[in-house]
Amino acid sequence: MIYLKNLKNMVTLFRWMALT
């Protein structure tokens, strides 16, 4: 599902932001 993949991408981005 594209939506699910998009959501996972968003979560990864958020985690990346939290790391920095």
C-alpha atoms as a PDB file:
ATOM      1  CA  MET A   1       0.000   0.000   0.000  1.00  0.00           C
ATOM      2  CA  ILE A   2       1.375   3.396  -0.960  1.00  0.00           C
ATOM      3  CA  TYR A   3      -0.288   5.071   2.027  1.00  0.00           C
ATOM      4  CA  LEU A   4       1.358   2.680   4.451  1.00  0.00           C
ATOM      5  CA  LYS A   5       4.730   3.204   2.800  1.00  0.00           C
ATOM      6  CA  ASN A   6       4.254   6.959   3.008  1.00  0.00           C
ATOM      7  CA  LEU A   7       3.401   6.692   6.690  1.00  0.00           C
ATOM      8  CA  LYS A   8       6.522   4.640   7.362  1.00  0.00           C
ATOM      9  CA  ASN A   9       8.598   7.212   5.503  1.00  0.00           C
ATOM     10  CA  MET A  10       7.097   9.970   7.628  1.00  0.00           C
ATOM     11  CA  VAL A  11       7.847   8.106  10.841  1.00  0.00           C
ATOM     12  CA  THR A  12      11.430   7.562   9.740  1.00  0.00           C
ATOM     13  CA  LEU A  13      11.772  11.258   8.987  1.00  0.00           C
ATOM     14  CA  PHE A  14      10.386  12.160  12.383  1.00  0.00           C
ATOM     15  CA  ARG A  15      12.790   9.790  14.105  1.00  0.00           C
ATOM     16  CA  TRP A  16      15.650  11.307  12.128  1.00  0.00           C
ATOM     17  CA  MET A  17      14.608  14.766  13.252  1.00  0.00           C
ATOM     18  CA  ALA A  18      14.435  13.615  16.857  1.00  0.00           C
ATOM     19  CA  LEU A  19      17.948  12.190  16.552  1.00  0.00           C
ATOM     20  CA  THR A  20      19.453  15.489  15.494  1.00  0.00           C
END
